[in-house]
């Protein structure tokens, strides 16, 4: 597979002192397929970010769920899949209201 080139990394926030970068995603998570697609997308993005940012970055992902009624089981799946498959420093938050 060819390497992806998503251009410049543009986090919504950054703390260079802590080497921490924040990203906000507002994806439609209304089906299992959409949840799986989001997980694959974010894993790809995290791996790309790691190739572009200083070594050992801390990533904070925020999911903006406002306006969606997402079951807790989907949120647990997202959290477990991302933390199990991404081997770096990762924090996940869900914004519900």
PDB file of N, CA and C in Angstrom:
ATOM      1  N   UNK A   1       0.847  -1.176   0.000  1.00  0.00           N
ATOM      2  CA  UNK A   1       0.000   0.000   0.000  1.00  0.00           C
ATOM      3  C   UNK A   1       0.890   1.235   0.000  1.00  0.00           C
ATOM      4  N   UNK A   2       0.510   2.234  -0.766  1.00  0.00           N
ATOM      5  CA  UNK A   2       1.255   3.486  -0.806  1.00  0.00           C
ATOM      6  C   UNK A   2       1.062   4.254   0.490  1.00  0.00           C
ATOM      7  N   UNK A   3       2.096   5.009   0.862  1.00  0.00           N
ATOM      8  CA  UNK A   3       1.968   5.867   2.038  1.00  0.00           C
ATOM      9  C   UNK A   3       0.983   6.982   1.740  1.00  0.00           C
ATOM     10  N   UNK A   4       0.191   7.325   2.731  1.00  0.00           N
ATOM     11  CA  UNK A   4      -0.752   8.418   2.580  1.00  0.00           C
ATOM     12  C   UNK A   4      -0.044   9.742   2.817  1.00  0.00           C
ATOM     13  N   UNK A   5      -0.433  10.763   2.092  1.00  0.00           N
ATOM     14  CA  UNK A   5       0.079  12.102   2.321  1.00  0.00           C
ATOM     15  C   UNK A   5      -1.110  13.014   2.512  1.00  0.00           C
ATOM     16  N   UNK A   6      -1.420  13.280   3.784  1.00  0.00           N
ATOM     17  CA  UNK A   6      -2.562  14.115   4.114  1.00  0.00           C
ATOM     18  C   UNK A   6      -2.151  15.561   4.325  1.00  0.00           C
ATOM     19  N   UNK A   7      -0.966  15.914   3.893  1.00  0.00           N
ATOM     20  CA  UNK A   7      -0.522  17.299   4.009  1.00  0.00           C
ATOM     21  C   UNK A   7      -0.150  17.663   5.430  1.00  0.00           C
ATOM     22  N   UNK A   8      -0.158  18.945   5.677  1.00  0.00           N
ATOM     23  CA  UNK A   8       0.252  19.477   6.975  1.00  0.00           C
ATOM     24  C   UNK A   8      -0.712  19.050   8.078  1.00  0.00           C
ATOM     25  N   UNK A   9      -0.166  18.701   9.237  1.00  0.00           N
ATOM     26  CA  UNK A   9      -0.970  18.340  10.402  1.00  0.00           C
ATOM     27  C   UNK A   9      -1.487  19.633  11.021  1.00  0.00           C
ATOM     28  N   UNK A  10      -2.809  19.719  11.207  1.00  0.00           N
ATOM     29  CA  UNK A  10      -3.413  20.940  11.746  1.00  0.00           C
ATOM     30  C   UNK A  10      -4.333  20.597  12.912  1.00  0.00           C
ATOM     31  N   UNK A  11      -3.770  20.408  14.104  1.00  0.00           N
ATOM     32  CA  UNK A  11      -4.609  20.118  15.267  1.00  0.00           C
ATOM     33  C   UNK A  11      -5.437  21.338  15.654  1.00  0.00           C
ATOM     34  N   UNK A  12      -6.538  21.092  16.346  1.00  0.00           N
ATOM     35  CA  UNK A  12      -7.366  22.194  16.843  1.00  0.00           C
ATOM     36  C   UNK A  12      -6.681  22.909  18.003  1.00  0.00           C
ATOM     37  N   UNK A  13      -5.786  22.218  18.678  1.00  0.00           N
ATOM     38  CA  UNK A  13      -5.044  22.810  19.774  1.00  0.00           C
ATOM     39  C   UNK A  13      -3.733  22.079  19.974  1.00  0.00           C
ATOM     40  N   UNK A  14      -2.770  22.783  20.563  1.00  0.00           N
ATOM     41  CA  UNK A  14      -1.477  22.166  20.820  1.00  0.00           C
ATOM     42  C   UNK A  14      -0.826  22.799  22.033  1.00  0.00           C
ATOM     43  N   UNK A  15      -0.136  21.989  22.795  1.00  0.00           N
ATOM     44  CA  UNK A  15       0.731  22.449  23.865  1.00  0.00           C
ATOM     45  C   UNK A  15       2.116  21.899  23.562  1.00  0.00           C
ATOM     46  N   UNK A  16       2.961  22.752  23.022  1.00  0.00           N
ATOM     47  CA  UNK A  16       4.304  22.304  22.652  1.00  0.00           C
ATOM     48  C   UNK A  16       5.116  21.931  23.880  1.00  0.00           C
ATOM     49  N   UNK A  17       4.839  22.600  25.021  1.00  0.00           N
ATOM     50  CA  UNK A  17       5.554  22.270  26.259  1.00  0.00           C
ATOM     51  C   UNK A  17       5.291  20.832  26.687  1.00  0.00           C
ATOM     52  N   UNK A  18       4.042  20.367  26.489  1.00  0.00           N
ATOM     53  CA  UNK A  18       3.677  18.996  26.874  1.00  0.00           C
ATOM     54  C   UNK A  18       3.730  18.035  25.695  1.00  0.00           C
ATOM     55  N   UNK A  19       4.053  18.572  24.498  1.00  0.00           N
ATOM     56  CA  UNK A  19       4.061  17.767  23.274  1.00  0.00           C
ATOM     57  C   UNK A  19       2.693  17.091  23.084  1.00  0.00           C
ATOM     58  N   UNK A  20       1.626  17.876  23.342  1.00  0.00           N
ATOM     59  CA  UNK A  20       0.254  17.358  23.283  1.00  0.00           C
ATOM     60  C   UNK A  20      -0.518  18.089  22.186  1.00  0.00           C
ATOM     61  N   UNK A  21      -1.285  17.312  21.426  1.00  0.00           N
ATOM     62  CA  UNK A  21      -2.031  17.836  20.294  1.00  0.00           C
ATOM     63  C   UNK A  21      -3.479  17.365  20.392  1.00  0.00           C
ATOM     64  N   UNK A  22      -4.418  18.285  20.156  1.00  0.00           N
ATOM     65  CA  UNK A  22      -5.850  17.998  20.295  1.00  0.00           C
ATOM     66  C   UNK A  22      -6.525  18.054  18.925  1.00  0.00           C
ATOM     67  N   UNK A  23      -7.375  17.069  18.688  1.00  0.00           N
ATOM     68  CA  UNK A  23      -8.140  16.978  17.445  1.00  0.00           C
ATOM     69  C   UNK A  23      -9.604  16.761  17.795  1.00  0.00           C
ATOM     70  N   UNK A  24     -10.493  17.430  17.070  1.00  0.00           N
ATOM     71  CA  UNK A  24     -11.927  17.281  17.299  1.00  0.00           C
ATOM     72  C   UNK A  24     -12.546  16.667  16.050  1.00  0.00           C
ATOM     73  N   UNK A  25     -13.323  15.607  16.261  1.00  0.00           N
ATOM     74  CA  UNK A  25     -14.013  14.932  15.163  1.00  0.00           C
ATOM     75  C   UNK A  25     -15.512  15.024  15.394  1.00  0.00           C
ATOM     76  N   UNK A  26     -16.230  15.391  14.345  1.00  0.00           N
ATOM     77  CA  UNK A  26     -17.683  15.446  14.380  1.00  0.00           C
ATOM     78  C   UNK A  26     -18.180  14.542  13.260  1.00  0.00           C
ATOM     79  N   UNK A  27     -18.094  13.240  13.509  1.00  0.00           N
ATOM     80  CA  UNK A  27     -18.489  12.240  12.515  1.00  0.00           C
ATOM     81  C   UNK A  27     -19.882  11.708  12.828  1.00  0.00           C
ATOM     82  N   UNK A  28     -20.569  11.288  11.788  1.00  0.00           N
ATOM     83  CA  UNK A  28     -21.849  10.596  11.933  1.00  0.00           C
ATOM     84  C   UNK A  28     -21.545   9.178  12.413  1.00  0.00           C
ATOM     85  N   UNK A  29     -21.981   8.854  13.614  1.00  0.00           N
ATOM     86  CA  UNK A  29     -21.711   7.544  14.206  1.00  0.00           C
ATOM     87  C   UNK A  29     -23.007   6.744  14.399  1.00  0.00           C
ATOM     88  N   UNK A  30     -23.945   6.933  13.488  1.00  0.00           N
ATOM     89  CA  UNK A  30     -25.283   6.370  13.647  1.00  0.00           C
ATOM     90  C   UNK A  30     -25.405   4.900  13.258  1.00  0.00           C
ATOM     91  N   UNK A  31     -24.344   4.301  12.729  1.00  0.00           N
ATOM     92  CA  UNK A  31     -24.415   2.879  12.371  1.00  0.00           C
ATOM     93  C   UNK A  31     -23.078   2.215  12.688  1.00  0.00           C
ATOM     94  N   UNK A  32     -23.095   0.879  12.737  1.00  0.00           N
ATOM     95  CA  UNK A  32     -21.864   0.132  12.998  1.00  0.00           C
ATOM     96  C   UNK A  32     -20.829   0.379  11.902  1.00  0.00           C
ATOM     97  N   UNK A  33     -21.284   0.451  10.645  1.00  0.00           N
ATOM     98  CA  UNK A  33     -20.371   0.717   9.536  1.00  0.00           C
ATOM     99  C   UNK A  33     -19.695   2.076   9.681  1.00  0.00           C
ATOM    100  N   UNK A  34     -20.457   3.078  10.100  1.00  0.00           N
ATOM    101  CA  UNK A  34     -19.896   4.424  10.260  1.00  0.00           C
ATOM    102  C   UNK A  34     -18.930   4.485  11.437  1.00  0.00           C
ATOM    103  N   UNK A  35     -19.216   3.744  12.485  1.00  0.00           N
ATOM    104  CA  UNK A  35     -18.295   3.668  13.631  1.00  0.00           C
ATOM    105  C   UNK A  35     -16.997   2.995  13.191  1.00  0.00           C
ATOM    106  N   UNK A  36     -17.093   1.892  12.469  1.00  0.00           N
ATOM    107  CA  UNK A  36     -15.895   1.185  11.985  1.00  0.00           C
ATOM    108  C   UNK A  36     -15.072   2.062  11.055  1.00  0.00           C
ATOM    109  N   UNK A  37     -15.736   2.791  10.176  1.00  0.00           N
ATOM    110  CA  UNK A  37     -15.039   3.687   9.248  1.00  0.00           C
ATOM    111  C   UNK A  37     -14.309   4.793  10.009  1.00  0.00           C
ATOM    112  N   UNK A  38     -14.952   5.339  11.031  1.00  0.00           N
ATOM    113  CA  UNK A  38     -14.325   6.383  11.842  1.00  0.00           C
ATOM    114  C   UNK A  38     -13.099   5.844  12.567  1.00  0.00           C
ATOM    115  N   UNK A  39     -13.198   4.651  13.101  1.00  0.00           N
ATOM    116  CA  UNK A  39     -12.057   4.052  13.799  1.00  0.00           C
ATOM    117  C   UNK A  39     -10.883   3.889  12.834  1.00  0.00           C
ATOM    118  N   UNK A  40     -11.138   3.351  11.650  1.00  0.00           N
ATOM    119  CA  UNK A  40     -10.072   3.170  10.654  1.00  0.00           C
ATOM    120  C   UNK A  40      -9.460   4.512  10.250  1.00  0.00           C
ATOM    121  N   UNK A  41     -10.313   5.503  10.038  1.00  0.00           N
ATOM    122  CA  UNK A  41      -9.849   6.830   9.642  1.00  0.00           C
ATOM    123  C   UNK A  41      -8.945   7.433  10.714  1.00  0.00           C
ATOM    124  N   UNK A  42      -9.390   7.380  11.968  1.00  0.00           N
ATOM    125  CA  UNK A  42      -8.616   7.996  13.043  1.00  0.00           C
ATOM    126  C   UNK A  42      -7.305   7.255  13.269  1.00  0.00           C
ATOM    127  N   UNK A  43      -7.309   5.931  13.185  1.00  0.00           N
ATOM    128  CA  UNK A  43      -6.049   5.192  13.311  1.00  0.00           C
ATOM    129  C   UNK A  43      -5.063   5.614  12.216  1.00  0.00           C
ATOM    130  N   UNK A  44      -5.547   5.758  11.012  1.00  0.00           N
ATOM    131  CA  UNK A  44      -4.693   6.217   9.918  1.00  0.00           C
ATOM    132  C   UNK A  44      -4.162   7.613  10.167  1.00  0.00           C
ATOM    133  N   UNK A  45      -5.045   8.488  10.652  1.00  0.00           N
ATOM    134  CA  UNK A  45      -4.616   9.861  10.946  1.00  0.00           C
ATOM    135  C   UNK A  45      -3.572   9.881  12.055  1.00  0.00           C
ATOM    136  N   UNK A  46      -3.783   9.126  13.122  1.00  0.00           N
ATOM    137  CA  UNK A  46      -2.820   9.114  14.228  1.00  0.00           C
ATOM    138  C   UNK A  46      -1.450   8.656  13.741  1.00  0.00           C
ATOM    139  N   UNK A  47      -1.432   7.638  12.929  1.00  0.00           N
ATOM    140  CA  UNK A  47      -0.150   7.139  12.418  1.00  0.00           C
ATOM    141  C   UNK A  47       0.518   8.176  11.512  1.00  0.00           C
ATOM    142  N   UNK A  48      -0.291   8.879  10.748  1.00  0.00           N
ATOM    143  CA  UNK A  48       0.258   9.950   9.916  1.00  0.00           C
ATOM    144  C   UNK A  48       0.769  11.100  10.793  1.00  0.00           C
ATOM    145  N   UNK A  49      -0.015  11.499  11.791  1.00  0.00           N
ATOM    146  CA  UNK A  49       0.433  12.564  12.698  1.00  0.00           C
ATOM    147  C   UNK A  49       1.787  12.212  13.295  1.00  0.00           C
ATOM    148  N   UNK A  50       1.944  10.964  13.714  1.00  0.00           N
ATOM    149  CA  UNK A  50       3.194  10.550  14.351  1.00  0.00           C
ATOM    150  C   UNK A  50       4.393  10.703  13.418  1.00  0.00           C
ATOM    151  N   UNK A  51       4.165  10.591  12.120  1.00  0.00           N
ATOM    152  CA  UNK A  51       5.271  10.750  11.172  1.00  0.00           C
ATOM    153  C   UNK A  51       5.597  12.217  10.924  1.00  0.00           C
ATOM    154  N   UNK A  52       4.708  13.113  11.341  1.00  0.00           N
ATOM    155  CA  UNK A  52       4.879  14.540  11.058  1.00  0.00           C
ATOM    156  C   UNK A  52       5.226  15.386  12.285  1.00  0.00           C
ATOM    157  N   UNK A  53       4.891  14.905  13.459  1.00  0.00           N
ATOM    158  CA  UNK A  53       5.056  15.672  14.694  1.00  0.00           C
ATOM    159  C   UNK A  53       6.341  15.281  15.418  1.00  0.00           C
ATOM    160  N   UNK A  54       6.728  16.066  16.431  1.00  0.00           N
ATOM    161  CA  UNK A  54       7.892  15.673  17.233  1.00  0.00           C
ATOM    162  C   UNK A  54       7.693  14.274  17.825  1.00  0.00           C
ATOM    163  N   UNK A  55       8.793  13.619  18.156  1.00  0.00           N
ATOM    164  CA  UNK A  55       8.744  12.242  18.667  1.00  0.00           C
ATOM    165  C   UNK A  55       7.876  12.127  19.905  1.00  0.00           C
ATOM    166  N   UNK A  56       7.199  10.997  20.030  1.00  0.00           N
ATOM    167  CA  UNK A  56       6.368  10.649  21.186  1.00  0.00           C
ATOM    168  C   UNK A  56       5.300  11.690  21.527  1.00  0.00           C
ATOM    169  N   UNK A  57       4.483  12.092  20.548  1.00  0.00           N
ATOM    170  CA  UNK A  57       3.435  13.071  20.844  1.00  0.00           C
ATOM    171  C   UNK A  57       2.329  12.471  21.701  1.00  0.00           C
ATOM    172  N   UNK A  58       1.680  13.322  22.442  1.00  0.00           N
ATOM    173  CA  UNK A  58       0.489  12.952  23.214  1.00  0.00           C
ATOM    174  C   UNK A  58      -0.705  13.456  22.420  1.00  0.00           C
ATOM    175  N   UNK A  59      -1.613  12.538  22.081  1.00  0.00           N
ATOM    176  CA  UNK A  59      -2.787  12.908  21.288  1.00  0.00           C
ATOM    177  C   UNK A  59      -4.029  12.923  22.181  1.00  0.00           C
ATOM    178  N   UNK A  60      -4.833  13.958  22.018  1.00  0.00           N
ATOM    179  CA  UNK A  60      -6.127  14.048  22.695  1.00  0.00           C
ATOM    180  C   UNK A  60      -7.184  14.166  21.602  1.00  0.00           C
ATOM    181  N   UNK A  61      -8.040  13.154  21.538  1.00  0.00           N
ATOM    182  CA  UNK A  61      -9.112  13.144  20.545  1.00  0.00           C
ATOM    183  C   UNK A  61     -10.428  13.445  21.247  1.00  0.00           C
ATOM    184  N   UNK A  62     -11.156  14.389  20.670  1.00  0.00           N
ATOM    185  CA  UNK A  62     -12.475  14.726  21.192  1.00  0.00           C
ATOM    186  C   UNK A  62     -13.498  14.440  20.099  1.00  0.00           C
ATOM    187  N   UNK A  63     -14.502  13.674  20.461  1.00  0.00           N
ATOM    188  CA  UNK A  63     -15.607  13.388  19.553  1.00  0.00           C
ATOM    189  C   UNK A  63     -16.765  14.302  19.930  1.00  0.00           C
ATOM    190  N   UNK A  64     -17.168  15.152  19.008  1.00  0.00           N
ATOM    191  CA  UNK A  64     -18.310  16.037  19.229  1.00  0.00           C
ATOM    192  C   UNK A  64     -19.567  15.273  18.823  1.00  0.00           C
ATOM    193  N   UNK A  65     -20.309  14.805  19.809  1.00  0.00           N
ATOM    194  CA  UNK A  65     -21.498  13.979  19.565  1.00  0.00           C
ATOM    195  C   UNK A  65     -22.798  14.770  19.677  1.00  0.00           C
ATOM    196  N   UNK A  66     -22.695  16.077  19.886  1.00  0.00           N
ATOM    197  CA  UNK A  66     -23.909  16.879  20.061  1.00  0.00           C
ATOM    198  C   UNK A  66     -24.835  16.699  18.867  1.00  0.00           C
ATOM    199  N   UNK A  67     -26.113  16.482  19.156  1.00  0.00           N
ATOM    200  CA  UNK A  67     -27.112  16.263  18.120  1.00  0.00           C
ATOM    201  C   UNK A  67     -27.243  14.813  17.689  1.00  0.00           C
ATOM    202  N   UNK A  68     -26.449  13.932  18.272  1.00  0.00           N
ATOM    203  CA  UNK A  68     -26.525  12.508  17.950  1.00  0.00           C
ATOM    204  C   UNK A  68     -26.873  11.721  19.209  1.00  0.00           C
ATOM    205  N   UNK A  69     -27.582  10.654  19.033  1.00  0.00           N
ATOM    206  CA  UNK A  69     -27.912   9.758  20.134  1.00  0.00           C
ATOM    207  C   UNK A  69     -27.157   8.455  19.900  1.00  0.00           C
ATOM    208  N   UNK A  70     -25.932   8.403  20.412  1.00  0.00           N
ATOM    209  CA  UNK A  70     -25.039   7.264  20.156  1.00  0.00           C
ATOM    210  C   UNK A  70     -25.068   6.345  21.369  1.00  0.00           C
ATOM    211  N   UNK A  71     -25.313   5.046  21.164  1.00  0.00           N
ATOM    212  CA  UNK A  71     -25.328   4.104  22.291  1.00  0.00           C
ATOM    213  C   UNK A  71     -23.957   4.025  22.973  1.00  0.00           C
ATOM    214  N   UNK A  72     -23.984   3.811  24.270  1.00  0.00           N
ATOM    215  CA  UNK A  72     -22.739   3.670  25.031  1.00  0.00           C
ATOM    216  C   UNK A  72     -21.875   2.538  24.477  1.00  0.00           C
ATOM    217  N   UNK A  73     -22.504   1.496  23.960  1.00  0.00           N
ATOM    218  CA  UNK A  73     -21.731   0.374  23.405  1.00  0.00           C
ATOM    219  C   UNK A  73     -20.866   0.829  22.228  1.00  0.00           C
ATOM    220  N   UNK A  74     -21.364   1.758  21.423  1.00  0.00           N
ATOM    221  CA  UNK A  74     -20.564   2.289  20.306  1.00  0.00           C
ATOM    222  C   UNK A  74     -19.398   3.114  20.821  1.00  0.00           C
ATOM    223  N   UNK A  75     -19.638   3.901  21.876  1.00  0.00           N
ATOM    224  CA  UNK A  75     -18.566   4.715  22.447  1.00  0.00           C
ATOM    225  C   UNK A  75     -17.496   3.829  23.079  1.00  0.00           C
ATOM    226  N   UNK A  76     -17.935   2.778  23.741  1.00  0.00           N
ATOM    227  CA  UNK A  76     -16.979   1.831  24.333  1.00  0.00           C
ATOM    228  C   UNK A  76     -16.160   1.131  23.244  1.00  0.00           C
ATOM    229  N   UNK A  77     -16.796   0.793  22.135  1.00  0.00           N
ATOM    230  CA  UNK A  77     -16.095   0.164  21.017  1.00  0.00           C
ATOM    231  C   UNK A  77     -15.040   1.112  20.450  1.00  0.00           C
ATOM    232  N   UNK A  78     -15.413   2.363  20.239  1.00  0.00           N
ATOM    233  CA  UNK A  78     -14.464   3.354  19.726  1.00  0.00           C
ATOM    234  C   UNK A  78     -13.274   3.467  20.664  1.00  0.00           C
ATOM    235  N   UNK A  79     -13.550   3.640  21.950  1.00  0.00           N
ATOM    236  CA  UNK A  79     -12.468   3.801  22.926  1.00  0.00           C
ATOM    237  C   UNK A  79     -11.557   2.570  22.954  1.00  0.00           C
ATOM    238  N   UNK A  80     -12.148   1.378  23.006  1.00  0.00           N
ATOM    239  CA  UNK A  80     -11.329   0.168  23.122  1.00  0.00           C
ATOM    240  C   UNK A  80     -10.538  -0.102  21.843  1.00  0.00           C
ATOM    241  N   UNK A  81     -11.157   0.075  20.683  1.00  0.00           N
ATOM    242  CA  UNK A  81     -10.455  -0.180  19.420  1.00  0.00           C
ATOM    243  C   UNK A  81      -9.288   0.786  19.237  1.00  0.00           C
ATOM    244  N   UNK A  82      -9.508   2.062  19.525  1.00  0.00           N
ATOM    245  CA  UNK A  82      -8.435   3.034  19.353  1.00  0.00           C
ATOM    246  C   UNK A  82      -7.298   2.804  20.341  1.00  0.00           C
ATOM    247  N   UNK A  83      -7.640   2.547  21.591  1.00  0.00           N
ATOM    248  CA  UNK A  83      -6.574   2.356  22.580  1.00  0.00           C
ATOM    249  C   UNK A  83      -5.851   1.021  22.376  1.00  0.00           C
ATOM    250  N   UNK A  84      -6.545   0.000  21.877  1.00  0.00           N
ATOM    251  CA  UNK A  84      -5.905  -1.295  21.630  1.00  0.00           C
ATOM    252  C   UNK A  84      -5.022  -1.278  20.382  1.00  0.00           C
ATOM    253  N   UNK A  85      -5.441  -0.540  19.357  1.00  0.00           N
ATOM    254  CA  UNK A  85      -4.734  -0.590  18.077  1.00  0.00           C
ATOM    255  C   UNK A  85      -3.714   0.528  17.893  1.00  0.00           C
ATOM    256  N   UNK A  86      -3.853   1.614  18.648  1.00  0.00           N
ATOM    257  CA  UNK A  86      -2.867   2.686  18.566  1.00  0.00           C
ATOM    258  C   UNK A  86      -1.928   2.538  19.748  1.00  0.00           C
ATOM    259  N   UNK A  87      -0.662   2.439  19.493  1.00  0.00           N
ATOM    260  CA  UNK A  87       0.289   2.110  20.545  1.00  0.00           C
ATOM    261  C   UNK A  87       0.930   3.337  21.203  1.00  0.00           C
ATOM    262  N   UNK A  88       0.470   4.520  20.861  1.00  0.00           N
ATOM    263  CA  UNK A  88       1.043   5.732  21.439  1.00  0.00           C
ATOM    264  C   UNK A  88       0.210   6.259  22.592  1.00  0.00           C
ATOM    265  N   UNK A  89       0.538   7.471  23.021  1.00  0.00           N
ATOM    266  CA  UNK A  89      -0.139   8.138  24.124  1.00  0.00           C
ATOM    267  C   UNK A  89      -1.427   8.773  23.600  1.00  0.00           C
ATOM    268  N   UNK A  90      -2.571   8.299  24.079  1.00  0.00           N
ATOM    269  CA  UNK A  90      -3.853   8.703  23.527  1.00  0.00           C
ATOM    270  C   UNK A  90      -4.876   8.911  24.637  1.00  0.00           C
ATOM    271  N   UNK A  91      -5.564  10.047  24.581  1.00  0.00           N
ATOM    272  CA  UNK A  91      -6.692  10.334  25.461  1.00  0.00           C
ATOM    273  C   UNK A  91      -7.917  10.561  24.579  1.00  0.00           C
ATOM    274  N   UNK A  92      -9.048   9.989  24.974  1.00  0.00           N
ATOM    275  CA  UNK A  92     -10.281  10.108  24.190  1.00  0.00           C
ATOM    276  C   UNK A  92     -11.364  10.701  25.075  1.00  0.00           C
ATOM    277  N   UNK A  93     -12.013  11.750  24.558  1.00  0.00           N
ATOM    278  CA  UNK A  93     -13.130  12.396  25.253  1.00  0.00           C
ATOM    279  C   UNK A  93     -14.336  12.429  24.320  1.00  0.00           C
ATOM    280  N   UNK A  94     -15.522  12.324  24.908  1.00  0.00           N
ATOM    281  CA  UNK A  94     -16.765  12.439  24.146  1.00  0.00           C
ATOM    282  C   UNK A  94     -17.522  13.661  24.644  1.00  0.00           C
ATOM    283  N   UNK A  95     -17.847  14.559  23.734  1.00  0.00           N
ATOM    284  CA  UNK A  95     -18.624  15.765  24.043  1.00  0.00           C
ATOM    285  C   UNK A  95     -20.074  15.441  23.711  1.00  0.00           C
ATOM    286  N   UNK A  96     -20.917  15.403  24.719  1.00  0.00           N
ATOM    287  CA  UNK A  96     -22.308  14.982  24.493  1.00  0.00           C
ATOM    288  C   UNK A  96     -23.301  16.145  24.545  1.00  0.00           C
ATOM    289  N   UNK A  97     -22.974  17.225  25.191  1.00  0.00           N
ATOM    290  CA  UNK A  97     -23.912  18.365  25.223  1.00  0.00           C
ATOM    291  C   UNK A  97     -23.180  19.656  25.365  1.00  0.00           C
TER     292      UNK A  97
END
